[in-house]
Amino acid sequence: MCLEVPIYKGCADPLLLKMIRKDSVYHGADGLGTVAHEFSTGNLAESEVSAPMALIQLTKEHPGEITLIALGPLTNLAMAHRIDPKFTERLKSLVIMGGNYK
């Protein structure tokens, strides 16, 4: 099976606080469990639409159909909500991995 999956560039920095430190205890030095594997990106091209705007647009096109799974920082989700406060109301559900604090 071959799927075309768009890639949207997310926010580069947090909205309020700078990250104090990266802790490799939880997800390894690379954030992926320090896996020694090169992941192919195939022919993927970055979209000109930002991640927050894509989230807003996709929920408008598919209201009540999208389950958003947030696995990392929540900046894109927060920015989408800041731009369009009704954004989260159009989601079917939201699953958040959360984070960690030591």
N, C-alpha and C. Protein backbone atom coordinates (compact mmCIF):
# COMPACT_ATOMS: atom_id res chain seq x y z
N MET A 1 0.85 -1.16 0.00
CA MET A 1 0.00 0.00 0.00
C MET A 1 0.90 1.24 0.00
N CYS A 2 0.58 2.18 -0.85
CA CYS A 2 1.35 3.41 -0.95
C CYS A 2 0.42 4.59 -0.69
N LEU A 3 0.72 5.35 0.32
CA LEU A 3 -0.11 6.50 0.68
C LEU A 3 0.65 7.79 0.45
N GLU A 4 -0.05 8.80 0.01
CA GLU A 4 0.54 10.14 -0.06
C GLU A 4 0.16 10.85 1.22
N VAL A 5 1.17 11.19 2.00
CA VAL A 5 0.93 11.84 3.28
C VAL A 5 1.56 13.22 3.25
N PRO A 6 0.75 14.27 3.36
CA PRO A 6 1.33 15.62 3.35
C PRO A 6 2.09 15.90 4.64
N ILE A 7 3.12 16.72 4.53
CA ILE A 7 3.90 17.14 5.69
C ILE A 7 3.72 18.64 5.86
N TYR A 8 3.34 19.04 7.04
CA TYR A 8 3.13 20.46 7.33
C TYR A 8 4.16 20.91 8.35
N LYS A 9 4.82 22.01 8.07
CA LYS A 9 5.83 22.52 8.99
C LYS A 9 5.15 23.11 10.22
N GLY A 10 5.58 22.64 11.38
CA GLY A 10 5.02 23.10 12.63
C GLY A 10 5.75 24.31 13.19
N CYS A 11 5.28 24.76 14.32
CA CYS A 11 5.88 25.91 15.01
C CYS A 11 7.29 25.54 15.48
N ALA A 12 8.22 26.46 15.31
CA ALA A 12 9.61 26.21 15.67
C ALA A 12 9.87 26.38 17.16
N ASP A 13 9.08 27.22 17.82
CA ASP A 13 9.32 27.52 19.23
C ASP A 13 8.03 27.39 20.03
N PRO A 14 8.15 27.14 21.34
CA PRO A 14 6.95 27.11 22.19
C PRO A 14 6.32 28.49 22.27
N LEU A 15 5.05 28.53 22.63
CA LEU A 15 4.34 29.81 22.71
C LEU A 15 4.78 30.66 23.91
N LEU A 16 5.03 30.03 25.05
CA LEU A 16 5.31 30.81 26.26
C LEU A 16 6.72 30.65 26.81
N LEU A 17 7.15 29.44 27.03
CA LEU A 17 8.42 29.20 27.71
C LEU A 17 9.41 28.48 26.80
N LYS A 18 10.66 28.77 26.97
CA LYS A 18 11.68 28.03 26.24
C LYS A 18 11.91 26.71 26.96
N MET A 19 12.22 25.67 26.17
CA MET A 19 12.52 24.38 26.77
C MET A 19 13.83 24.52 27.54
N ILE A 20 13.82 24.16 28.79
CA ILE A 20 15.00 24.32 29.64
C ILE A 20 16.08 23.33 29.25
N ARG A 21 15.71 22.08 29.07
CA ARG A 21 16.70 21.08 28.68
C ARG A 21 16.00 19.92 28.01
N LYS A 22 16.76 19.23 27.21
CA LYS A 22 16.28 18.00 26.60
C LYS A 22 16.75 16.86 27.48
N ASP A 23 15.86 16.03 27.91
CA ASP A 23 16.23 14.91 28.75
C ASP A 23 16.11 13.63 27.93
N SER A 24 17.24 12.94 27.75
CA SER A 24 17.25 11.74 26.91
C SER A 24 16.80 10.50 27.67
N VAL A 25 16.44 10.64 28.94
CA VAL A 25 16.03 9.50 29.74
C VAL A 25 14.78 8.83 29.18
N TYR A 26 13.83 9.63 28.69
CA TYR A 26 12.53 9.09 28.31
C TYR A 26 12.47 8.57 26.88
N HIS A 27 12.98 9.32 25.92
CA HIS A 27 12.83 8.92 24.53
C HIS A 27 14.16 8.87 23.78
N GLY A 28 15.26 8.80 24.47
CA GLY A 28 16.57 8.71 23.83
C GLY A 28 17.05 10.05 23.32
N ALA A 29 18.30 10.08 22.90
CA ALA A 29 18.93 11.32 22.45
C ALA A 29 18.26 11.90 21.21
N ASP A 30 17.68 11.03 20.37
CA ASP A 30 17.06 11.51 19.14
C ASP A 30 15.54 11.69 19.26
N GLY A 31 14.99 11.41 20.43
CA GLY A 31 13.55 11.52 20.62
C GLY A 31 12.78 10.32 20.10
N LEU A 32 13.50 9.37 19.50
CA LEU A 32 12.87 8.17 18.95
C LEU A 32 13.41 6.90 19.59
N GLY A 33 13.88 7.01 20.81
CA GLY A 33 14.42 5.84 21.49
C GLY A 33 15.84 5.51 21.08
N THR A 34 16.56 6.47 20.52
CA THR A 34 17.93 6.33 20.04
C THR A 34 18.04 5.13 19.10
N VAL A 35 17.15 5.07 18.15
CA VAL A 35 17.19 3.99 17.17
C VAL A 35 18.30 4.25 16.15
N ALA A 36 18.98 3.21 15.77
CA ALA A 36 20.06 3.34 14.79
C ALA A 36 19.52 2.92 13.42
N HIS A 37 18.58 3.70 12.91
CA HIS A 37 17.96 3.36 11.64
C HIS A 37 17.66 4.64 10.88
N GLU A 38 17.95 4.62 9.61
CA GLU A 38 17.62 5.76 8.76
C GLU A 38 16.20 5.57 8.24
N PHE A 39 15.36 6.54 8.44
CA PHE A 39 13.99 6.46 7.97
C PHE A 39 13.89 7.17 6.63
N SER A 40 13.35 6.49 5.65
CA SER A 40 13.19 7.06 4.32
C SER A 40 12.01 8.03 4.31
N THR A 41 12.22 9.16 3.69
CA THR A 41 11.11 10.10 3.53
C THR A 41 10.51 9.99 2.14
N GLY A 42 11.06 9.11 1.32
CA GLY A 42 10.51 8.91 -0.02
C GLY A 42 10.49 10.20 -0.81
N ASN A 43 9.39 10.45 -1.47
CA ASN A 43 9.24 11.65 -2.29
C ASN A 43 8.39 12.71 -1.59
N LEU A 44 8.48 12.77 -0.31
CA LEU A 44 7.64 13.71 0.43
C LEU A 44 8.15 15.13 0.29
N ALA A 45 7.24 16.03 0.07
CA ALA A 45 7.59 17.45 -0.04
C ALA A 45 6.82 18.22 1.03
N GLU A 46 7.49 19.17 1.62
CA GLU A 46 6.86 19.99 2.66
C GLU A 46 5.80 20.89 2.04
N SER A 47 4.64 20.94 2.66
CA SER A 47 3.56 21.80 2.18
C SER A 47 3.86 23.26 2.50
N GLU A 48 3.28 24.15 1.73
CA GLU A 48 3.44 25.58 1.99
C GLU A 48 2.49 26.05 3.10
N VAL A 49 1.53 25.22 3.45
CA VAL A 49 0.58 25.54 4.52
C VAL A 49 1.21 25.13 5.85
N SER A 50 1.10 25.97 6.86
CA SER A 50 1.65 25.64 8.18
C SER A 50 0.80 24.56 8.86
N ALA A 51 1.38 23.87 9.81
CA ALA A 51 0.65 22.83 10.53
C ALA A 51 -0.60 23.36 11.23
N PRO A 52 -0.53 24.48 11.96
CA PRO A 52 -1.76 24.98 12.59
C PRO A 52 -2.86 25.30 11.58
N MET A 53 -2.49 25.92 10.46
CA MET A 53 -3.50 26.26 9.44
C MET A 53 -4.05 25.00 8.78
N ALA A 54 -3.20 23.98 8.60
CA ALA A 54 -3.67 22.72 8.02
C ALA A 54 -4.66 22.04 8.96
N LEU A 55 -4.38 22.07 10.27
CA LEU A 55 -5.31 21.49 11.24
C LEU A 55 -6.67 22.17 11.17
N ILE A 56 -6.66 23.49 11.10
CA ILE A 56 -7.90 24.25 11.00
C ILE A 56 -8.65 23.90 9.72
N GLN A 57 -7.93 23.91 8.61
CA GLN A 57 -8.53 23.63 7.30
C GLN A 57 -9.11 22.22 7.24
N LEU A 58 -8.36 21.23 7.73
CA LEU A 58 -8.82 19.85 7.68
C LEU A 58 -10.06 19.63 8.54
N THR A 59 -10.13 20.29 9.70
CA THR A 59 -11.33 20.12 10.54
C THR A 59 -12.54 20.83 9.94
N LYS A 60 -12.30 21.87 9.16
CA LYS A 60 -13.42 22.53 8.47
C LYS A 60 -13.93 21.65 7.32
N GLU A 61 -13.01 20.96 6.66
CA GLU A 61 -13.40 20.08 5.55
C GLU A 61 -14.04 18.78 6.04
N HIS A 62 -13.68 18.34 7.24
CA HIS A 62 -14.15 17.06 7.79
C HIS A 62 -14.60 17.22 9.24
N PRO A 63 -15.59 18.08 9.51
CA PRO A 63 -16.01 18.30 10.90
C PRO A 63 -16.54 17.03 11.55
N GLY A 64 -16.07 16.79 12.77
CA GLY A 64 -16.53 15.63 13.53
C GLY A 64 -15.98 14.31 13.06
N GLU A 65 -15.04 14.32 12.12
CA GLU A 65 -14.50 13.08 11.57
C GLU A 65 -13.05 12.81 11.96
N ILE A 66 -12.35 13.80 12.48
CA ILE A 66 -10.91 13.68 12.69
C ILE A 66 -10.59 13.42 14.16
N THR A 67 -9.82 12.35 14.38
CA THR A 67 -9.23 12.09 15.69
C THR A 67 -7.79 12.57 15.61
N LEU A 68 -7.45 13.56 16.40
CA LEU A 68 -6.10 14.11 16.40
C LEU A 68 -5.29 13.43 17.49
N ILE A 69 -4.15 12.86 17.11
CA ILE A 69 -3.26 12.20 18.06
C ILE A 69 -2.01 13.06 18.18
N ALA A 70 -1.85 13.71 19.32
CA ALA A 70 -0.70 14.60 19.55
C ALA A 70 0.36 13.83 20.33
N LEU A 71 1.50 13.60 19.69
CA LEU A 71 2.56 12.79 20.30
C LEU A 71 3.72 13.60 20.84
N GLY A 72 3.77 14.86 20.51
CA GLY A 72 4.90 15.68 20.94
C GLY A 72 4.40 16.97 21.57
N PRO A 73 5.21 18.01 21.49
CA PRO A 73 4.77 19.30 22.03
C PRO A 73 3.43 19.72 21.41
N LEU A 74 2.65 20.44 22.16
CA LEU A 74 1.29 20.79 21.74
C LEU A 74 1.19 22.18 21.13
N THR A 75 2.31 22.72 20.69
CA THR A 75 2.34 24.09 20.17
C THR A 75 1.45 24.26 18.94
N ASN A 76 1.49 23.33 17.99
CA ASN A 76 0.66 23.46 16.79
C ASN A 76 -0.82 23.42 17.13
N LEU A 77 -1.19 22.56 18.05
CA LEU A 77 -2.57 22.46 18.50
C LEU A 77 -2.99 23.75 19.20
N ALA A 78 -2.13 24.27 20.06
CA ALA A 78 -2.42 25.52 20.77
C ALA A 78 -2.55 26.69 19.81
N MET A 79 -1.67 26.74 18.81
CA MET A 79 -1.72 27.83 17.84
C MET A 79 -2.98 27.74 16.99
N ALA A 80 -3.36 26.53 16.59
CA ALA A 80 -4.60 26.36 15.82
C ALA A 80 -5.79 26.84 16.64
N HIS A 81 -5.81 26.51 17.93
CA HIS A 81 -6.91 26.93 18.81
C HIS A 81 -6.89 28.45 19.03
N ARG A 82 -5.69 29.03 19.09
CA ARG A 82 -5.58 30.48 19.27
C ARG A 82 -6.11 31.22 18.03
N ILE A 83 -5.80 30.69 16.85
CA ILE A 83 -6.25 31.31 15.60
C ILE A 83 -7.76 31.11 15.41
N ASP A 84 -8.23 29.90 15.71
CA ASP A 84 -9.64 29.54 15.50
C ASP A 84 -10.15 28.80 16.74
N PRO A 85 -10.73 29.50 17.70
CA PRO A 85 -11.19 28.86 18.94
C PRO A 85 -12.21 27.73 18.73
N LYS A 86 -12.86 27.67 17.58
CA LYS A 86 -13.83 26.60 17.30
C LYS A 86 -13.13 25.35 16.75
N PHE A 87 -11.84 25.43 16.50
CA PHE A 87 -11.07 24.32 15.92
C PHE A 87 -11.28 23.02 16.69
N THR A 88 -11.10 23.05 18.01
CA THR A 88 -11.20 21.81 18.79
C THR A 88 -12.63 21.26 18.83
N GLU A 89 -13.62 22.11 18.66
CA GLU A 89 -15.01 21.65 18.64
C GLU A 89 -15.31 20.81 17.40
N ARG A 90 -14.51 20.98 16.34
CA ARG A 90 -14.73 20.23 15.10
C ARG A 90 -14.00 18.88 15.09
N LEU A 91 -13.19 18.61 16.12
CA LEU A 91 -12.51 17.32 16.22
C LEU A 91 -13.48 16.26 16.71
N LYS A 92 -13.32 15.04 16.21
CA LYS A 92 -14.09 13.91 16.74
C LYS A 92 -13.56 13.60 18.14
N SER A 93 -12.24 13.52 18.25
CA SER A 93 -11.62 13.30 19.55
C SER A 93 -10.16 13.75 19.50
N LEU A 94 -9.59 13.90 20.67
CA LEU A 94 -8.21 14.35 20.81
C LEU A 94 -7.50 13.42 21.78
N VAL A 95 -6.39 12.85 21.34
CA VAL A 95 -5.59 11.96 22.17
C VAL A 95 -4.23 12.62 22.35
N ILE A 96 -3.81 12.81 23.60
CA ILE A 96 -2.55 13.49 23.88
C ILE A 96 -1.62 12.55 24.64
N MET A 97 -0.39 12.37 24.10
CA MET A 97 0.60 11.58 24.81
C MET A 97 1.04 12.31 26.07
N GLY A 98 0.99 13.63 26.02
CA GLY A 98 1.36 14.42 27.19
C GLY A 98 2.83 14.76 27.17
N GLY A 99 3.52 14.36 28.14
CA GLY A 99 4.93 14.68 28.23
C GLY A 99 5.51 14.06 29.47
N ASN A 100 6.62 14.60 29.86
CA ASN A 100 7.23 14.09 31.07
C ASN A 100 7.92 15.24 31.78
N TYR A 101 8.10 15.07 33.03
CA TYR A 101 8.77 16.09 33.83
C TYR A 101 9.56 15.35 34.89
N LYS A 102 10.79 15.76 35.05
CA LYS A 102 11.64 15.08 36.02
C LYS A 102 12.02 16.04 37.10
